[in-house]
C-alpha cells in the first residue's frame, strides 16, 4: 500500500525532477513562438504543490492528495498546468478519507482526474497529455483488476504512458512533421516516472537546477513605511472543513472583521483559507477551530517584518516580482473588469478602457489561477468580467471563477486586440447575458496580427524555421516567415486587410501597438509604410504598448 508520506515524497520528487527537466520539455513545443512553454508551466504548477506538501508531517494519503490538489489548482499556469492540476484533483477525490492507497485506488483516482480534464477542455485534442493520461489510467485499471499491488499497477501506468506518448505523432500530424512527441504528455511521463521511483523505495530527487527560485511567503502583507500599523500580526491559516457540521465561512469572515482588517476568506468544499491582520491571533484561531482542523497556521509580527503592504500569492520569486500584488476588497459596484496584459502601455490602455485591475502576464508569463483570483477579489464589484487575452490563459481564468467570492464571467479573448474590442463593446445598461454576447461578437470581429521571433529551430506547418527569424502571425496562426521586422509588419497588415475583404468584413480602423524592443521612430516608419500600402481609407492609430516578445501587435476592425 502507498502511505501518505510516500505519496507526499513522490510528488515532491516529481516536482524537483520536472523543474530540472523543464527546458527539455519546453523544447518539444512545435510552435516556436516564445511563450509560457509547457515544461515551465507544468513545473510551476506542481512546484506549488511541492511547497505546500513539504509542510505536512505524517499525512494520510487523503491529506496529501487534498493539499496537492488545492495547491495545484491555485498555482496552475497555462493550459498544460491546468490540465495537470485537474489530473491531480482526481487523486483528491479518489483517495478521499483513505489512510493509504491500493493499486486500484491509484488507477481509479487517475481516471477521475482524466474525466475532469476532458470536461474542462472545450475541444479535447487527441495526441496530447489528455490521451497519454487517459490511456495510462485505463491500463492501470485493467492491471488492478488482476493484481491490486500498487507498485505493479503504477508500473503499468508508467509503461502505458510512455507507449502512448510514443504514439502521439501518429495522432497529431504537426508532431510527426516536426519529429517530436507531445510536450504535455512528456511532462506527465516525467512526473509519474519520478513518483514510481519513490514508490519503489528510491530517495526524493533533489532539485539541482541552476535557476531554482526560492518561494515567496504567501500573503505577507505588512503596512508600508509611511503608514501606521494598526494591527500587529499577519495571521494566516488553512482549515480542513468539518463535513459533520453546517458552517458558514461568511460568519467566520464577519468575526475576523470585528477583530482586525485585511480579511480574506477563500473557501471551497474542502478547505477554508484565511488571511487577517489582528492584534489577537489567538481569538482568530479559537474561532476558526469550530470550522474544522487546521492544516497550516502562520503568524508573523509585521512591525518586525516591515514587509510590503501587497498581498502576493505563494509562487516563484521571479513570478512574484513581476506578478500582481492586489489587496482584497468588498464588492460594492455592480460590474468590474480584470484583464491580462504585459507592458506598461497596454496596462494603462486597459485601465483607461475601464478595467479595475490588470494582471501582468501573457506570452512568456502565464499568470496562475491564484494570480487571476487575487485580481478578481481586488475588484470592487459584484460581477467581474475577466479577459485573459491569450488562449493559454483562458483555462486558468476559468478555474479561478468558482473560487472567487463574487460572480465571475470569463470571456474567451485570445489576443490583446480581442480584449480591447470586447471592452469597447460593453454596455453598462445591458444585462449580463447581452453583454457576454455583444462583447464576444466584438472580439470575434477583430483581426489580430502579431510580429515576433522564433525562439527555436522548428519545422512547422510547412515552414522551415530557424531560431531568430521573424514570424508573422495572422489571428494566432503562422502566416509567413521573414528576415526583416518592418517588411514583415507591412506585409502582414496587407494580408489581414485582404482576408477581411474576402470575408466581407468592413474595415475602417487599424491600431498599431509597438513593443518594448521598438522605438517610436521605428514605429512611425512602419506606420508610414503601412499607409502607403493600404491607402487613405484605413484610419491608422499608433500606440506605445511596451509589450515584451511582440515587436508589433495589429488590431484591424
Protein backbone atom coordinates (compact mmCIF):
# COMPACT_ATOMS: atom_id res chain seq x y z
CA UNK A 1 0.00 0.00 0.00
CA UNK A 2 1.09 3.60 -0.63
CA UNK A 3 1.12 5.61 2.59
CA UNK A 4 0.52 9.34 2.72
CA UNK A 5 4.16 10.14 3.48
CA UNK A 6 5.30 8.12 0.48
CA UNK A 7 2.76 9.85 -1.78
CA UNK A 8 3.89 13.22 -0.43
CA UNK A 9 7.55 12.42 -1.10
CA UNK A 10 6.72 11.09 -4.56
CA UNK A 11 5.01 14.32 -5.64
CA UNK A 12 7.82 16.47 -4.21
CA UNK A 13 10.38 14.34 -6.04
CA UNK A 14 8.36 14.63 -9.25
CA UNK A 15 8.27 18.41 -8.92
CA UNK A 16 12.05 18.51 -8.50
CA UNK A 17 12.67 16.25 -11.48
CA UNK A 18 10.38 18.22 -13.76
CA UNK A 19 11.95 21.51 -12.67
CA UNK A 20 15.32 20.07 -13.66
CA UNK A 21 13.98 18.78 -17.00
CA UNK A 22 11.56 21.58 -17.89
CA UNK A 23 13.76 23.05 -20.61
CA UNK A 24 13.95 19.74 -22.48
CA UNK A 25 10.15 19.52 -22.27
CA UNK A 26 9.82 23.14 -23.45
CA UNK A 27 11.93 22.32 -26.49
CA UNK A 28 9.34 19.78 -27.64
CA UNK A 29 6.87 22.59 -28.33
CA UNK A 30 6.32 22.58 -32.06
CA UNK A 31 5.22 26.20 -32.42
CA UNK A 32 8.45 28.19 -31.99
CA UNK A 33 6.87 31.40 -30.65
CA UNK A 34 8.45 32.40 -27.32
CA UNK A 35 5.75 31.87 -24.74
CA UNK A 36 4.96 30.32 -21.37
CA UNK A 37 6.06 26.88 -22.53
CA UNK A 38 4.64 23.55 -21.45
CA UNK A 39 7.50 22.32 -19.28
CA UNK A 40 7.80 25.63 -17.45
CA UNK A 41 4.06 25.87 -16.82
CA UNK A 42 3.76 22.29 -15.60
CA UNK A 43 6.83 22.71 -13.39
CA UNK A 44 5.48 25.85 -11.74
CA UNK A 45 2.11 24.14 -11.22
CA UNK A 46 3.42 21.03 -9.48
CA UNK A 47 6.03 23.17 -7.73
CA UNK A 48 3.20 24.98 -5.95
CA UNK A 49 2.06 21.62 -4.59
CA UNK A 50 5.56 20.61 -3.52
CA UNK A 51 5.94 23.74 -1.39
CA UNK A 52 2.70 23.01 0.45
CA UNK A 53 3.43 19.30 0.83
CA UNK A 54 6.79 19.92 2.49
CA UNK A 55 4.89 21.38 5.44
CA UNK A 56 2.94 18.16 6.07
CA UNK A 57 4.11 15.75 8.75
CA UNK A 58 2.83 12.16 8.71
CA UNK A 59 -0.15 12.86 6.43
CA UNK A 60 -2.61 10.25 5.26
CA UNK A 61 -2.94 9.55 1.55
CA UNK A 62 -6.16 11.59 1.55
CA UNK A 63 -4.48 14.59 3.21
CA UNK A 64 -1.57 14.51 0.78
CA UNK A 65 -3.86 14.31 -2.24
CA UNK A 66 -6.10 17.11 -0.99
CA UNK A 67 -3.24 19.51 -0.26
CA UNK A 68 -1.58 18.74 -3.61
CA UNK A 69 -4.85 19.23 -5.48
CA UNK A 70 -5.67 22.54 -3.80
CA UNK A 71 -2.17 23.95 -4.30
CA UNK A 72 -2.03 22.91 -7.95
CA UNK A 73 -5.46 24.37 -8.62
CA UNK A 74 -4.37 27.78 -7.34
CA UNK A 75 -0.88 27.57 -8.84
CA UNK A 76 -1.94 26.27 -12.26
CA UNK A 77 -0.35 28.13 -15.18
CA UNK A 78 -1.17 27.73 -18.85
CA UNK A 79 -3.35 25.05 -20.37
CA UNK A 80 -0.87 22.29 -19.57
CA UNK A 81 -0.66 23.39 -15.94
CA UNK A 82 -4.44 23.50 -15.57
CA UNK A 83 -4.81 20.04 -17.09
CA UNK A 84 -2.12 18.72 -14.74
CA UNK A 85 -3.95 20.25 -11.76
CA UNK A 86 -7.19 18.59 -12.88
CA UNK A 87 -5.48 15.21 -13.13
CA UNK A 88 -4.35 15.56 -9.54
CA UNK A 89 -7.80 16.76 -8.50
CA UNK A 90 -8.84 13.22 -9.33
CA UNK A 91 -6.43 11.98 -6.67
CA UNK A 92 -8.11 14.23 -4.12
CA UNK A 93 -11.50 12.71 -4.98
CA UNK A 94 -10.33 9.14 -5.43
CA UNK A 95 -8.29 8.96 -2.23
CA UNK A 96 -10.78 10.83 -0.06
CA UNK A 97 -10.78 9.56 3.54
CA UNK A 98 -8.18 6.90 2.72
CA UNK A 99 -5.24 6.34 5.05
CA UNK A 100 -3.30 4.62 2.27
CA UNK A 101 -3.82 3.78 -1.39
CA UNK A 102 -4.04 0.46 -3.18
CA UNK A 103 -3.27 -0.09 -6.84
CA UNK A 104 -6.95 0.18 -7.73
CA UNK A 105 -7.22 3.39 -5.71
CA UNK A 106 -4.38 4.97 -7.68
CA UNK A 107 -5.72 3.88 -11.07
CA UNK A 108 -9.28 4.96 -10.28
CA UNK A 109 -8.04 8.31 -8.93
CA UNK A 110 -6.13 8.98 -12.16
CA UNK A 111 -9.21 8.02 -14.17
CA UNK A 112 -11.28 10.56 -12.19
CA UNK A 113 -8.68 13.21 -13.00
CA UNK A 114 -8.79 12.33 -16.68
CA UNK A 115 -12.57 12.70 -16.66
CA UNK A 116 -12.32 16.14 -15.07
CA UNK A 117 -9.62 17.26 -17.53
CA UNK A 118 -11.63 16.21 -20.58
CA UNK A 119 -14.69 18.05 -19.28
CA UNK A 120 -12.69 21.25 -18.71
CA UNK A 121 -11.30 21.43 -22.25
CA UNK A 122 -13.86 22.71 -24.76
CA UNK A 123 -12.39 20.81 -27.70
CA UNK A 124 -10.15 17.99 -26.42
CA UNK A 125 -7.36 17.15 -28.83
CA UNK A 126 -6.11 13.58 -29.01
CA UNK A 127 -2.37 13.10 -29.21
CA UNK A 128 -1.80 15.34 -26.20
CA UNK A 129 -1.38 14.92 -22.45
CA UNK A 130 -5.10 14.08 -22.32
CA UNK A 131 -4.59 10.97 -24.45
CA UNK A 132 -1.49 9.90 -22.56
CA UNK A 133 -3.20 10.20 -19.18
CA UNK A 134 -6.42 8.53 -20.38
CA UNK A 135 -4.70 5.51 -21.86
CA UNK A 136 -2.40 5.19 -18.85
CA UNK A 137 -5.35 5.28 -16.44
CA UNK A 138 -7.26 2.66 -18.44
CA UNK A 139 -4.24 0.36 -18.45
CA UNK A 140 -3.84 0.87 -14.71
CA UNK A 141 -7.46 -0.05 -14.03
CA UNK A 142 -7.14 -3.20 -16.13
CA UNK A 143 -3.97 -4.17 -14.30
CA UNK A 144 -5.54 -3.53 -10.88
CA UNK A 145 -8.37 -5.91 -11.71
CA UNK A 146 -5.76 -8.70 -11.95
CA UNK A 147 -3.26 -7.61 -9.30
CA UNK A 148 -4.02 -4.83 -6.81
CA UNK A 149 -0.38 -4.32 -5.80
CA UNK A 150 0.20 -0.53 -6.10
CA UNK A 151 3.78 -0.84 -7.35
CA UNK A 152 2.70 -3.24 -10.07
CA UNK A 153 -0.25 -1.05 -11.09
CA UNK A 154 1.77 2.18 -11.12
CA UNK A 155 4.47 0.48 -13.21
CA UNK A 156 1.81 -0.46 -15.77
CA UNK A 157 0.53 3.13 -15.72
CA UNK A 158 4.04 4.44 -16.43
CA UNK A 159 4.71 1.89 -19.17
CA UNK A 160 1.45 2.64 -20.96
CA UNK A 161 2.01 6.39 -20.61
CA UNK A 162 5.39 6.08 -22.33
CA UNK A 163 3.89 3.91 -25.06
CA UNK A 164 1.02 6.36 -25.52
CA UNK A 165 3.48 9.25 -25.66
CA UNK A 166 5.39 7.50 -28.44
CA UNK A 167 2.12 7.23 -30.40
CA UNK A 168 1.24 10.93 -30.17
CA UNK A 169 2.91 11.82 -33.51
CA UNK A 170 0.55 9.39 -35.24
CA UNK A 171 -2.43 11.30 -33.84
CA UNK A 172 -1.13 14.82 -34.45
CA UNK A 173 0.43 15.44 -37.89
CA UNK A 174 2.20 18.57 -36.65
CA UNK A 175 4.15 16.44 -34.18
CA UNK A 176 5.03 13.92 -36.86
CA UNK A 177 6.29 16.58 -39.27
CA UNK A 178 8.44 18.07 -36.53
CA UNK A 179 9.70 14.67 -35.41
CA UNK A 180 8.74 15.17 -31.74
CA UNK A 181 6.29 13.80 -29.18
CA UNK A 182 3.73 15.87 -27.29
CA UNK A 183 5.33 18.17 -24.72
CA UNK A 184 2.49 17.91 -22.19
CA UNK A 185 2.49 14.14 -22.45
CA UNK A 186 6.23 14.11 -21.90
CA UNK A 187 5.89 16.28 -18.80
CA UNK A 188 3.26 13.91 -17.44
CA UNK A 189 5.56 10.92 -18.04
CA UNK A 190 8.39 12.69 -16.21
CA UNK A 191 6.12 13.25 -13.21
CA UNK A 192 4.68 9.76 -12.88
CA UNK A 193 8.09 8.22 -13.57
CA UNK A 194 9.64 10.17 -10.70
CA UNK A 195 6.75 9.11 -8.47
CA UNK A 196 7.33 5.47 -9.42
CA UNK A 197 10.97 5.69 -8.33
CA UNK A 198 9.91 6.86 -4.86
CA UNK A 199 7.19 4.21 -4.64
CA UNK A 200 9.90 1.63 -5.31
CA UNK A 201 11.95 2.88 -2.38
CA UNK A 202 14.11 5.49 -4.05
CA UNK A 203 15.13 8.73 -2.36
CA UNK A 204 13.46 12.06 -3.06
CA UNK A 205 15.16 13.57 -6.08
CA UNK A 206 16.99 16.77 -5.29
CA UNK A 207 16.33 19.86 -7.35
CA UNK A 208 19.73 20.79 -8.71
CA UNK A 209 18.51 23.15 -11.45
CA UNK A 210 20.58 26.32 -11.71
CA UNK A 211 17.56 28.60 -11.91
CA UNK A 212 15.82 27.25 -8.84
CA UNK A 213 13.89 30.04 -7.17
CA UNK A 214 13.07 30.39 -3.51
CA UNK A 215 9.38 30.62 -2.72
CA UNK A 216 7.84 33.85 -1.55
CA UNK A 217 5.87 33.84 1.67
CA UNK A 218 2.19 33.88 0.82
CA UNK A 219 0.12 36.92 1.67
CA UNK A 220 2.89 38.52 3.71
CA UNK A 221 1.26 41.93 3.93
CA UNK A 222 2.67 44.46 6.33
CA UNK A 223 1.84 48.13 6.31
CA UNK A 224 4.09 50.41 4.31
CA UNK A 225 6.74 52.57 5.93
CA UNK A 226 4.59 55.68 5.62
CA UNK A 227 1.52 54.25 7.30
CA UNK A 228 0.79 53.40 10.91
CA UNK A 229 0.38 49.70 11.62
CA UNK A 230 -2.97 49.35 13.37
CA UNK A 231 -2.94 45.56 13.70
CA UNK A 232 0.37 43.89 14.50
CA UNK A 233 0.04 40.26 13.49
CA UNK A 234 -0.39 38.95 9.96
CA UNK A 235 -2.27 35.70 10.62
CA UNK A 236 -2.87 33.02 8.00
CA UNK A 237 -4.26 29.55 8.20
CA UNK A 238 -5.99 26.81 6.24
CA UNK A 239 -8.82 24.87 7.87
CA UNK A 240 -9.94 21.48 6.58
CA UNK A 241 -13.71 21.79 6.82
CA UNK A 242 -15.57 19.54 9.23
CA UNK A 243 -18.21 17.93 6.99
CA UNK A 244 -20.25 16.86 10.01
CA UNK A 245 -21.04 20.48 10.82
CA UNK A 246 -23.05 23.03 8.87
CA UNK A 247 -20.71 26.01 8.94
CA UNK A 248 -20.88 29.29 7.08
CA UNK A 249 -17.48 30.84 6.18
CA UNK A 250 -19.21 34.22 5.89
CA UNK A 251 -19.79 34.14 9.67
CA UNK A 252 -16.10 33.45 10.21
CA UNK A 253 -15.26 36.37 7.98
CA UNK A 254 -17.64 38.65 9.89
CA UNK A 255 -15.98 37.69 13.17
CA UNK A 256 -12.49 38.29 11.82
CA UNK A 257 -13.53 41.72 10.55
CA UNK A 258 -14.61 42.57 14.10
CA UNK A 259 -11.09 41.92 15.46
CA UNK A 260 -8.90 43.01 12.55
CA UNK A 261 -8.64 44.14 8.95
CA UNK A 262 -7.32 42.99 5.55
CA UNK A 263 -9.58 39.96 5.93
CA UNK A 264 -9.55 37.40 3.13
CA UNK A 265 -11.60 34.23 3.35
CA UNK A 266 -11.48 31.85 0.37
CA UNK A 267 -13.33 28.55 0.64
CA UNK A 268 -14.34 25.52 -1.35
CA UNK A 269 -15.94 22.23 -0.43
CA UNK A 270 -12.87 21.01 1.45
CA UNK A 271 -10.95 23.95 2.90
CA UNK A 272 -11.21 27.49 4.19
CA UNK A 273 -8.15 29.66 3.55
CA UNK A 274 -7.88 32.75 5.75
CA UNK A 275 -5.73 35.86 5.95
CA UNK A 276 -6.26 38.59 8.58
CA UNK A 277 -4.34 41.38 10.31
CA UNK A 278 -5.19 41.37 14.00
CA UNK A 279 -3.80 42.18 17.44
CA UNK A 280 -5.16 38.92 18.85
CA UNK A 281 -4.35 35.95 16.58
CA UNK A 282 -5.38 33.60 19.37
CA UNK A 283 -9.00 34.74 19.12
CA UNK A 284 -8.94 34.26 15.35
CA UNK A 285 -7.64 30.71 15.70
CA UNK A 286 -10.04 29.89 18.54
CA UNK A 287 -12.99 30.91 16.39
CA UNK A 288 -11.70 29.07 13.30
CA UNK A 289 -11.21 25.74 15.09
CA UNK A 290 -15.00 25.45 15.21
CA UNK A 291 -14.97 25.04 11.42
CA UNK A 292 -12.59 22.07 11.27
CA UNK A 293 -8.96 21.06 11.73
CA UNK A 294 -6.01 23.32 10.93
CA UNK A 295 -3.83 22.24 8.03
CA UNK A 296 -1.42 25.17 8.30
CA UNK A 297 -1.03 28.16 10.62
CA UNK A 298 1.33 31.12 10.26
CA UNK A 299 1.55 34.24 12.44
CA UNK A 300 4.06 37.00 11.69
CA UNK A 301 4.79 40.27 13.50
CA UNK A 302 4.52 42.98 10.86
CA UNK A 303 6.22 45.60 12.98
CA UNK A 304 9.33 43.45 12.87
CA UNK A 305 8.91 42.41 9.27
CA UNK A 306 8.48 45.85 7.68
CA UNK A 307 7.18 43.99 4.65
CA UNK A 308 5.39 45.39 1.65
CA UNK A 309 1.66 46.05 2.02
CA UNK A 310 0.70 43.99 -1.00
CA UNK A 311 -0.80 40.55 -0.76
CA UNK A 312 1.02 38.19 -3.12
CA UNK A 313 0.25 34.56 -3.63
CA UNK A 314 2.92 31.99 -2.95
CA UNK A 315 4.81 31.39 -6.15
CA UNK A 316 8.30 31.50 -7.61
CA UNK A 317 10.32 34.61 -6.69
CA UNK A 318 10.65 35.81 -10.26
CA UNK A 319 6.96 35.38 -10.93
CA UNK A 320 6.07 37.17 -7.72
CA UNK A 321 8.38 40.08 -8.51
CA UNK A 322 6.76 40.53 -11.90
CA UNK A 323 3.28 39.44 -10.90
CA UNK A 324 0.28 41.20 -9.46
CA UNK A 325 0.05 42.49 -5.91
CA UNK A 326 -3.59 43.03 -5.04
CA UNK A 327 -5.50 43.86 -1.89
CA UNK A 328 -8.81 42.12 -1.32
CA UNK A 329 -11.82 44.48 -1.35
CA UNK A 330 -15.51 44.02 -0.75
CA UNK A 331 -17.82 44.09 -3.77
CA UNK A 332 -19.57 47.47 -3.92
CA UNK A 333 -20.14 48.22 -7.61
CA UNK A 334 -22.36 46.14 -9.84
CA UNK A 335 -19.75 45.40 -12.53
CA UNK A 336 -15.96 45.31 -12.75
CA UNK A 337 -13.25 44.11 -15.11
CA UNK A 338 -9.95 42.24 -14.94
CA UNK A 339 -7.67 41.94 -17.95
CA UNK A 340 -4.36 40.19 -18.56
CA UNK A 341 -1.69 42.20 -20.38
CA UNK A 342 2.05 42.77 -20.38
CA UNK A 343 3.65 46.16 -20.96
CA UNK A 344 3.10 49.49 -19.25
CA UNK A 345 1.35 50.98 -22.26
CA UNK A 346 -1.11 48.12 -22.61
CA UNK A 347 -1.80 48.04 -18.89
CA UNK A 348 -2.56 51.78 -18.98
CA UNK A 349 -4.77 51.29 -22.04
CA UNK A 350 -6.90 48.65 -20.33
CA UNK A 351 -7.22 50.85 -17.25
CA UNK A 352 -8.35 53.70 -19.50
CA UNK A 353 -10.95 51.40 -21.05
CA UNK A 354 -12.42 50.72 -17.61
CA UNK A 355 -10.53 47.72 -16.25
CA UNK A 356 -10.26 47.81 -12.46
CA UNK A 357 -7.22 45.54 -12.37
CA UNK A 358 -4.70 44.32 -14.93
CA UNK A 359 -2.77 41.12 -14.27
CA UNK A 360 0.74 41.41 -15.64
CA UNK A 361 1.20 38.48 -17.99
CA UNK A 362 0.70 36.97 -21.40
CA UNK A 363 3.30 35.31 -23.55
CA UNK A 364 6.33 34.11 -21.51
CA UNK A 365 4.44 34.95 -18.29
CA UNK A 366 1.27 32.90 -17.99
CA UNK A 367 -0.33 34.03 -14.71
CA UNK A 368 -1.57 31.38 -12.31
CA UNK A 369 -5.14 30.70 -11.30
CA UNK A 370 -4.36 32.36 -7.97
CA UNK A 371 -2.95 35.48 -9.67
CA UNK A 372 -6.23 35.92 -11.51
CA UNK A 373 -8.26 35.09 -8.40
CA UNK A 374 -6.46 37.79 -6.41
CA UNK A 375 -7.15 40.37 -9.13
CA UNK A 376 -10.82 39.39 -9.22
CA UNK A 377 -11.19 39.72 -5.45
CA UNK A 378 -9.39 43.07 -5.55
CA UNK A 379 -12.08 44.33 -7.93
CA UNK A 380 -14.84 46.18 -6.03
CA UNK A 381 -17.70 44.63 -7.97
CA UNK A 382 -20.40 42.00 -7.52
CA UNK A 383 -19.92 40.78 -11.08
CA UNK A 384 -16.46 40.66 -12.64
CA UNK A 385 -15.66 40.08 -16.30
CA UNK A 386 -12.22 38.53 -16.92
CA UNK A 387 -10.42 39.00 -20.25
CA UNK A 388 -7.47 36.55 -20.50
CA UNK A 389 -6.34 37.93 -23.89
CA UNK A 390 -4.32 34.77 -24.53
CA UNK A 391 -5.58 31.30 -25.43
CA UNK A 392 -3.10 29.74 -22.98
CA UNK A 393 -4.60 31.67 -20.05
CA UNK A 394 -8.32 31.03 -20.59
CA UNK A 395 -8.37 27.71 -18.71
CA UNK A 396 -6.57 29.19 -15.70
CA UNK A 397 -9.09 32.04 -15.63
CA UNK A 398 -11.98 29.58 -15.81
CA UNK A 399 -10.55 27.66 -12.84
CA UNK A 400 -10.39 30.89 -10.82
CA UNK A 401 -14.08 31.68 -11.36
CA UNK A 402 -15.61 29.13 -8.94
CA UNK A 403 -13.05 30.01 -6.26
CA UNK A 404 -13.99 33.68 -6.14
CA UNK A 405 -16.28 35.25 -3.56
CA UNK A 406 -18.22 37.07 -6.28
CA UNK A 407 -19.71 36.23 -9.68
CA UNK A 408 -17.11 35.84 -12.43
CA UNK A 409 -17.54 35.56 -16.20
CA UNK A 410 -14.57 34.68 -18.40
CA UNK A 411 -14.68 35.98 -21.96
CA UNK A 412 -12.56 33.75 -24.23
CA UNK A 413 -10.42 36.56 -25.64
CA UNK A 414 -7.32 35.07 -27.25
CA UNK A 415 -5.44 38.25 -28.14
CA UNK A 416 -4.92 41.78 -26.86
CA UNK A 417 -6.98 43.34 -29.72
CA UNK A 418 -9.86 41.00 -28.89
CA UNK A 419 -9.74 42.18 -25.28
CA UNK A 420 -9.72 45.83 -26.33
CA UNK A 421 -12.70 45.35 -28.68
CA UNK A 422 -14.62 43.48 -26.00
CA UNK A 423 -14.11 46.32 -23.53
CA UNK A 424 -15.26 48.88 -26.08
CA UNK A 425 -18.42 46.85 -26.71
CA UNK A 426 -19.52 46.75 -23.07
CA UNK A 427 -22.92 48.35 -22.46
CA UNK A 428 -23.45 49.41 -18.82
CA UNK A 429 -27.23 49.40 -19.33
CA UNK A 430 -27.39 45.88 -20.78
CA UNK A 431 -27.96 42.61 -18.92
CA UNK A 432 -25.08 40.21 -18.27
CA UNK A 433 -26.09 37.74 -20.98
CA UNK A 434 -26.48 40.53 -23.54
CA UNK A 435 -23.06 41.91 -22.67
CA UNK A 436 -21.43 38.50 -22.87
CA UNK A 437 -22.89 38.04 -26.33
CA UNK A 438 -22.06 41.55 -27.51
CA UNK A 439 -18.52 41.57 -26.15
CA UNK A 440 -17.81 38.11 -27.60
CA UNK A 441 -19.11 39.17 -31.01
CA UNK A 442 -16.94 42.27 -30.93
CA UNK A 443 -13.90 40.18 -30.04
CA UNK A 444 -14.64 37.75 -32.88
CA UNK A 445 -14.95 40.59 -35.38
CA UNK A 446 -11.47 41.99 -34.83
CA UNK A 447 -8.48 40.68 -36.80
CA UNK A 448 -5.20 40.32 -34.92
CA UNK A 449 -1.72 40.42 -36.38
CA UNK A 450 1.49 39.87 -34.43
CA UNK A 451 5.16 40.17 -35.31
CA UNK A 452 7.57 38.23 -33.14
CA UNK A 453 10.65 36.00 -33.48
CA UNK A 454 11.39 32.28 -33.48
CA UNK A 455 12.62 31.06 -30.11
CA UNK A 456 14.00 27.83 -31.56
CA UNK A 457 14.55 25.94 -34.80
CA UNK A 458 11.38 24.27 -35.98
CA UNK A 459 9.58 22.64 -38.88
CA UNK A 460 6.03 23.89 -38.52
CA UNK A 461 3.10 23.84 -40.91
CA UNK A 462 5.30 23.63 -43.99
CA UNK A 463 7.70 26.34 -42.79
CA UNK A 464 11.34 25.55 -42.13
CA UNK A 465 12.07 27.98 -39.31
CA UNK A 466 15.41 28.95 -37.85
CA UNK A 467 15.91 30.48 -34.42
CA UNK A 468 15.82 34.28 -34.56
CA UNK A 469 13.79 34.57 -37.76
CA UNK A 470 10.81 36.93 -37.82
CA UNK A 471 7.39 35.29 -37.51
CA UNK A 472 4.16 36.89 -38.74
CA UNK A 473 1.01 35.60 -37.04
CA UNK A 474 -2.45 36.05 -38.52
CA UNK A 475 -5.01 35.54 -35.73
CA UNK A 476 -2.55 33.31 -33.84
CA UNK A 477 -1.77 31.24 -36.96
CA UNK A 478 1.65 31.39 -38.58
CA UNK A 479 1.27 33.31 -41.83
CA UNK A 480 4.86 33.58 -43.07
CA UNK A 481 8.49 33.80 -42.02
CA UNK A 482 10.64 36.85 -42.77
CA UNK A 483 14.05 38.30 -42.04
CA UNK A 484 13.06 41.95 -41.51
CA UNK A 485 10.64 43.32 -38.90
CA UNK A 486 9.46 46.30 -40.93
CA UNK A 487 8.91 44.30 -44.11
CA UNK A 488 7.02 41.63 -42.18
CA UNK A 489 4.83 44.22 -40.47
CA UNK A 490 3.73 45.87 -43.70
CA UNK A 491 3.14 42.55 -45.47
CA UNK A 492 1.09 41.17 -42.58
CA UNK A 493 -1.19 44.22 -42.47
CA UNK A 494 -1.81 43.89 -46.21
CA UNK A 495 -2.65 40.21 -45.71
CA UNK A 496 -5.03 40.99 -42.86
CA UNK A 497 -6.88 43.57 -44.95
CA UNK A 498 -7.14 41.22 -47.95
CA UNK A 499 -8.55 38.46 -45.76
CA UNK A 500 -11.19 40.79 -44.32
CA UNK A 501 -12.22 41.96 -47.76
CA UNK A 502 -12.58 38.37 -48.95
CA UNK A 503 -14.75 37.52 -45.96
CA UNK A 504 -16.95 40.58 -46.49
CA UNK A 505 -15.95 42.33 -43.24
CA UNK A 506 -15.91 46.10 -43.20
CA UNK A 507 -12.55 47.57 -42.27
CA UNK A 508 -12.05 51.17 -41.21
CA UNK A 509 -9.51 51.13 -38.39
CA UNK A 510 -6.04 49.76 -37.81
CA UNK A 511 -4.30 50.10 -34.46
CA UNK A 512 -0.56 49.53 -34.41
CA UNK A 513 0.78 48.65 -30.95
CA UNK A 514 4.57 48.62 -30.73
CA UNK A 515 6.56 46.73 -28.13
CA UNK A 516 9.45 47.34 -25.78
CA UNK A 517 12.08 46.49 -28.42
CA UNK A 518 10.80 49.10 -30.91
CA UNK A 519 11.38 52.83 -30.52
CA UNK A 520 8.90 55.49 -31.61
CA UNK A 521 10.86 56.46 -34.71
CA UNK A 522 10.90 52.86 -35.95
CA UNK A 523 7.18 52.57 -35.28
CA UNK A 524 6.46 55.78 -37.19
CA UNK A 525 8.37 54.40 -40.18
CA UNK A 526 6.24 51.27 -40.14
CA UNK A 527 3.01 53.29 -39.92
CA UNK A 528 4.09 55.41 -42.90
CA UNK A 529 4.88 52.30 -44.93
CA UNK A 530 1.55 50.70 -43.97
CA UNK A 531 -0.39 53.79 -45.02
CA UNK A 532 1.35 53.73 -48.40
CA UNK A 533 0.26 50.12 -48.92
CA UNK A 534 -3.27 50.27 -47.53
CA UNK A 535 -4.32 53.68 -48.78
CA UNK A 536 -6.21 56.51 -47.08
CA UNK A 537 -9.45 54.58 -46.43
CA UNK A 538 -7.98 53.00 -43.31
CA UNK A 539 -7.55 55.15 -40.21
CA UNK A 540 -4.24 54.13 -38.57
CA UNK A 541 -3.55 54.77 -34.86
CA UNK A 542 -0.18 54.22 -33.19
CA UNK A 543 0.01 53.07 -29.55
CA UNK A 544 3.11 52.52 -27.39
CA UNK A 545 2.23 49.18 -25.78
CA UNK A 546 5.62 48.36 -24.30
CA UNK A 547 4.82 44.64 -24.58
CA UNK A 548 7.62 42.06 -24.49
CA UNK A 549 8.07 39.33 -27.12
CA UNK A 550 5.97 41.00 -29.83
CA UNK A 551 7.56 43.78 -31.86
CA UNK A 552 4.12 44.75 -33.14
CA UNK A 553 0.51 43.85 -32.45
CA UNK A 554 -2.05 44.91 -35.06
CA UNK A 555 -5.77 45.32 -34.46
CA UNK A 556 -7.90 45.63 -37.57
CA UNK A 557 -11.66 46.20 -37.49
